[in-house]
N, C-alpha and C. Protein backbone atom coordinates (compact mmCIF):
# COMPACT_ATOMS: atom_id res chain seq x y z
N MET A 1 0.85 -1.19 0.00
CA MET A 1 0.00 0.00 0.00
C MET A 1 0.89 1.25 0.00
N GLU A 2 0.54 2.20 -0.82
CA GLU A 2 1.29 3.45 -0.93
C GLU A 2 1.00 4.35 0.26
N THR A 3 2.03 5.01 0.78
CA THR A 3 1.88 5.94 1.89
C THR A 3 1.33 7.25 1.37
N LEU A 4 0.37 7.78 2.06
CA LEU A 4 -0.24 9.05 1.67
C LEU A 4 0.52 10.19 2.33
N GLU A 5 1.07 11.07 1.52
CA GLU A 5 1.80 12.24 1.99
C GLU A 5 0.80 13.38 2.14
N THR A 6 0.68 13.92 3.35
CA THR A 6 -0.34 14.94 3.62
C THR A 6 0.23 16.22 4.23
N THR A 7 1.51 16.46 4.05
CA THR A 7 2.09 17.66 4.67
C THR A 7 1.54 18.95 4.08
N TRP A 8 0.85 18.87 2.97
CA TRP A 8 0.29 20.05 2.31
C TRP A 8 -1.01 20.52 2.96
N ILE A 9 -1.68 19.68 3.71
CA ILE A 9 -3.00 20.03 4.25
C ILE A 9 -2.96 21.31 5.09
N PRO A 10 -1.98 21.53 5.97
CA PRO A 10 -1.97 22.78 6.75
C PRO A 10 -1.83 24.05 5.91
N CYS A 11 -1.47 23.94 4.65
CA CYS A 11 -1.34 25.12 3.78
C CYS A 11 -2.71 25.65 3.34
N LEU A 12 -3.76 24.86 3.52
CA LEU A 12 -5.09 25.30 3.11
C LEU A 12 -5.67 26.28 4.12
N PRO A 13 -6.26 27.37 3.64
CA PRO A 13 -6.98 28.28 4.55
C PRO A 13 -8.17 27.55 5.17
N LYS A 14 -8.65 28.06 6.30
CA LYS A 14 -9.72 27.39 7.05
C LYS A 14 -10.93 27.05 6.19
N GLU A 15 -11.39 28.01 5.38
CA GLU A 15 -12.59 27.77 4.57
C GLU A 15 -12.34 26.63 3.56
N ASP A 16 -11.17 26.64 2.96
CA ASP A 16 -10.85 25.59 1.99
C ASP A 16 -10.64 24.26 2.70
N LEU A 17 -10.07 24.29 3.88
CA LEU A 17 -9.88 23.06 4.64
C LEU A 17 -11.23 22.41 4.96
N GLU A 18 -12.19 23.24 5.34
CA GLU A 18 -13.54 22.72 5.62
C GLU A 18 -14.15 22.11 4.36
N GLN A 19 -13.98 22.76 3.22
CA GLN A 19 -14.51 22.24 1.95
C GLN A 19 -13.79 20.94 1.58
N PHE A 20 -12.48 20.90 1.77
CA PHE A 20 -11.70 19.69 1.49
C PHE A 20 -12.23 18.52 2.32
N ILE A 21 -12.43 18.74 3.61
CA ILE A 21 -12.90 17.67 4.49
C ILE A 21 -14.28 17.18 4.05
N LEU A 22 -15.16 18.10 3.69
CA LEU A 22 -16.49 17.73 3.22
C LEU A 22 -16.40 16.87 1.96
N GLU A 23 -15.61 17.33 0.99
CA GLU A 23 -15.47 16.59 -0.26
C GLU A 23 -14.78 15.24 -0.04
N LEU A 24 -13.80 15.21 0.84
CA LEU A 24 -13.11 13.95 1.13
C LEU A 24 -14.06 12.95 1.77
N ARG A 25 -14.86 13.40 2.72
CA ARG A 25 -15.84 12.51 3.37
C ARG A 25 -16.81 11.93 2.33
N GLN A 26 -17.34 12.79 1.47
CA GLN A 26 -18.28 12.32 0.45
C GLN A 26 -17.62 11.33 -0.51
N THR A 27 -16.40 11.64 -0.89
CA THR A 27 -15.68 10.78 -1.83
C THR A 27 -15.35 9.44 -1.20
N LEU A 28 -14.93 9.44 0.06
CA LEU A 28 -14.62 8.18 0.74
C LEU A 28 -15.87 7.33 0.94
N GLN A 29 -17.02 7.96 1.11
CA GLN A 29 -18.27 7.21 1.18
C GLN A 29 -18.55 6.51 -0.15
N GLU A 30 -18.28 7.20 -1.26
CA GLU A 30 -18.44 6.58 -2.57
C GLU A 30 -17.46 5.41 -2.75
N VAL A 31 -16.23 5.61 -2.31
CA VAL A 31 -15.22 4.55 -2.40
C VAL A 31 -15.68 3.32 -1.61
N ALA A 32 -16.23 3.55 -0.43
CA ALA A 32 -16.70 2.44 0.40
C ALA A 32 -17.81 1.65 -0.29
N LYS A 33 -18.62 2.35 -1.08
CA LYS A 33 -19.72 1.68 -1.78
C LYS A 33 -19.26 0.93 -3.02
N ASN A 34 -18.35 1.55 -3.80
CA ASN A 34 -18.03 0.94 -5.10
C ASN A 34 -16.58 0.45 -5.22
N GLY A 35 -15.75 0.76 -4.25
CA GLY A 35 -14.37 0.26 -4.26
C GLY A 35 -13.44 0.95 -5.24
N ASP A 36 -13.94 1.92 -5.98
CA ASP A 36 -13.12 2.63 -6.97
C ASP A 36 -12.44 3.82 -6.29
N THR A 37 -11.13 3.75 -6.18
CA THR A 37 -10.39 4.81 -5.48
C THR A 37 -9.94 5.95 -6.40
N SER A 38 -10.22 5.85 -7.68
CA SER A 38 -9.71 6.86 -8.63
C SER A 38 -10.22 8.26 -8.32
N LYS A 39 -11.48 8.39 -7.90
CA LYS A 39 -11.99 9.73 -7.58
C LYS A 39 -11.33 10.29 -6.33
N ALA A 40 -11.02 9.43 -5.37
CA ALA A 40 -10.33 9.89 -4.16
C ALA A 40 -8.92 10.34 -4.51
N GLU A 41 -8.25 9.61 -5.37
CA GLU A 41 -6.90 9.99 -5.79
C GLU A 41 -6.93 11.33 -6.52
N GLU A 42 -7.90 11.51 -7.40
CA GLU A 42 -8.04 12.76 -8.14
C GLU A 42 -8.33 13.93 -7.19
N LEU A 43 -9.21 13.70 -6.22
CA LEU A 43 -9.56 14.73 -5.24
C LEU A 43 -8.31 15.15 -4.46
N LEU A 44 -7.55 14.18 -3.99
CA LEU A 44 -6.35 14.50 -3.22
C LEU A 44 -5.33 15.24 -4.07
N ASP A 45 -5.16 14.83 -5.31
CA ASP A 45 -4.24 15.53 -6.22
C ASP A 45 -4.67 16.98 -6.43
N ASP A 46 -5.97 17.18 -6.68
CA ASP A 46 -6.48 18.53 -6.92
C ASP A 46 -6.28 19.43 -5.70
N TRP A 47 -6.59 18.92 -4.52
CA TRP A 47 -6.43 19.72 -3.31
C TRP A 47 -4.97 19.96 -2.98
N GLU A 48 -4.11 19.00 -3.29
CA GLU A 48 -2.68 19.23 -3.07
C GLU A 48 -2.17 20.37 -3.96
N GLU A 49 -2.66 20.41 -5.20
CA GLU A 49 -2.28 21.51 -6.09
C GLU A 49 -2.80 22.84 -5.57
N THR A 50 -4.01 22.84 -5.02
CA THR A 50 -4.56 24.06 -4.43
C THR A 50 -3.70 24.52 -3.26
N ALA A 51 -3.32 23.59 -2.40
CA ALA A 51 -2.47 23.92 -1.26
C ALA A 51 -1.12 24.48 -1.72
N TYR A 52 -0.60 23.94 -2.80
CA TYR A 52 0.68 24.42 -3.35
C TYR A 52 0.57 25.89 -3.73
N ILE A 53 -0.54 26.24 -4.35
CA ILE A 53 -0.76 27.64 -4.74
C ILE A 53 -0.81 28.54 -3.51
N TYR A 54 -1.52 28.11 -2.47
CA TYR A 54 -1.58 28.91 -1.24
C TYR A 54 -0.22 29.01 -0.56
N ALA A 55 0.60 27.99 -0.70
CA ALA A 55 1.92 28.00 -0.06
C ALA A 55 2.92 28.89 -0.80
N HIS A 56 2.56 29.32 -2.00
CA HIS A 56 3.42 30.17 -2.82
C HIS A 56 2.66 31.44 -3.20
N PRO A 57 2.70 32.45 -2.32
CA PRO A 57 1.90 33.67 -2.52
C PRO A 57 2.13 34.36 -3.86
N GLU A 58 3.37 34.33 -4.37
CA GLU A 58 3.64 34.98 -5.66
C GLU A 58 2.90 34.27 -6.78
N LEU A 59 2.80 32.96 -6.71
CA LEU A 59 2.05 32.19 -7.70
C LEU A 59 0.56 32.50 -7.59
N LYS A 60 0.05 32.58 -6.36
CA LYS A 60 -1.36 32.89 -6.16
C LYS A 60 -1.69 34.27 -6.71
N ARG A 61 -0.82 35.26 -6.48
CA ARG A 61 -1.06 36.60 -7.02
C ARG A 61 -1.11 36.58 -8.54
N GLU A 62 -0.20 35.84 -9.14
CA GLU A 62 -0.16 35.74 -10.60
C GLU A 62 -1.43 35.08 -11.15
N ILE A 63 -1.87 34.03 -10.51
CA ILE A 63 -3.10 33.35 -10.95
C ILE A 63 -4.31 34.25 -10.76
N ASP A 64 -4.39 34.91 -9.58
CA ASP A 64 -5.51 35.82 -9.32
C ASP A 64 -5.56 36.95 -10.35
N ALA A 65 -4.39 37.48 -10.72
CA ALA A 65 -4.34 38.56 -11.71
C ALA A 65 -4.80 38.05 -13.07
N SER A 66 -4.40 36.86 -13.44
CA SER A 66 -4.83 36.28 -14.73
C SER A 66 -6.33 36.06 -14.76
N ILE A 67 -6.88 35.60 -13.64
CA ILE A 67 -8.34 35.39 -13.57
C ILE A 67 -9.07 36.71 -13.68
N ALA A 68 -8.57 37.75 -12.99
CA ALA A 68 -9.20 39.07 -13.05
C ALA A 68 -9.15 39.62 -14.47
N GLU A 69 -8.03 39.45 -15.16
CA GLU A 69 -7.92 39.91 -16.56
C GLU A 69 -8.91 39.17 -17.45
N ALA A 70 -9.02 37.88 -17.24
CA ALA A 70 -9.96 37.09 -18.06
C ALA A 70 -11.40 37.53 -17.82
N ARG A 71 -11.74 37.77 -16.57
CA ARG A 71 -13.10 38.20 -16.24
C ARG A 71 -13.39 39.59 -16.80
N ALA A 72 -12.37 40.42 -16.90
CA ALA A 72 -12.54 41.77 -17.43
C ALA A 72 -12.43 41.80 -18.95
N GLY A 73 -12.22 40.65 -19.56
CA GLY A 73 -12.10 40.58 -21.02
C GLY A 73 -10.75 41.10 -21.50
N LYS A 74 -9.77 41.14 -20.64
CA LYS A 74 -8.47 41.68 -21.01
C LYS A 74 -7.38 40.62 -21.07
N ALA A 75 -7.78 39.37 -21.07
CA ALA A 75 -6.79 38.29 -21.10
C ALA A 75 -6.03 38.30 -22.42
N LYS A 76 -4.76 38.08 -22.32
CA LYS A 76 -3.92 38.01 -23.51
C LYS A 76 -3.91 36.57 -24.02
N PRO A 77 -3.95 36.39 -25.33
CA PRO A 77 -3.92 35.03 -25.87
C PRO A 77 -2.58 34.35 -25.54
N VAL A 78 -2.66 33.08 -25.29
CA VAL A 78 -1.44 32.30 -25.03
C VAL A 78 -0.91 31.79 -26.35
N ARG A 79 0.34 32.02 -26.58
CA ARG A 79 0.97 31.57 -27.82
C ARG A 79 2.05 30.56 -27.48
N PRO A 80 2.03 29.43 -28.20
CA PRO A 80 3.05 28.40 -27.94
C PRO A 80 4.43 28.82 -28.36
């Protein structure tokens, strides 16, 4: 069995931590019913990425600015 690394959980703000716990509880209930752990793995991966963003304020500011630009219709096209 793979060890679950959870050192990222304290990086979540209180409101997000509460949402994470709610979603984790619901997802684990589904796992208990159907035995498919893929949704739980996806949930943990998604929340770990969210915690990473909170742990890096400069990244969060950059993302927030990009979202604000997109909402204002000022987003610049991404070019490969």
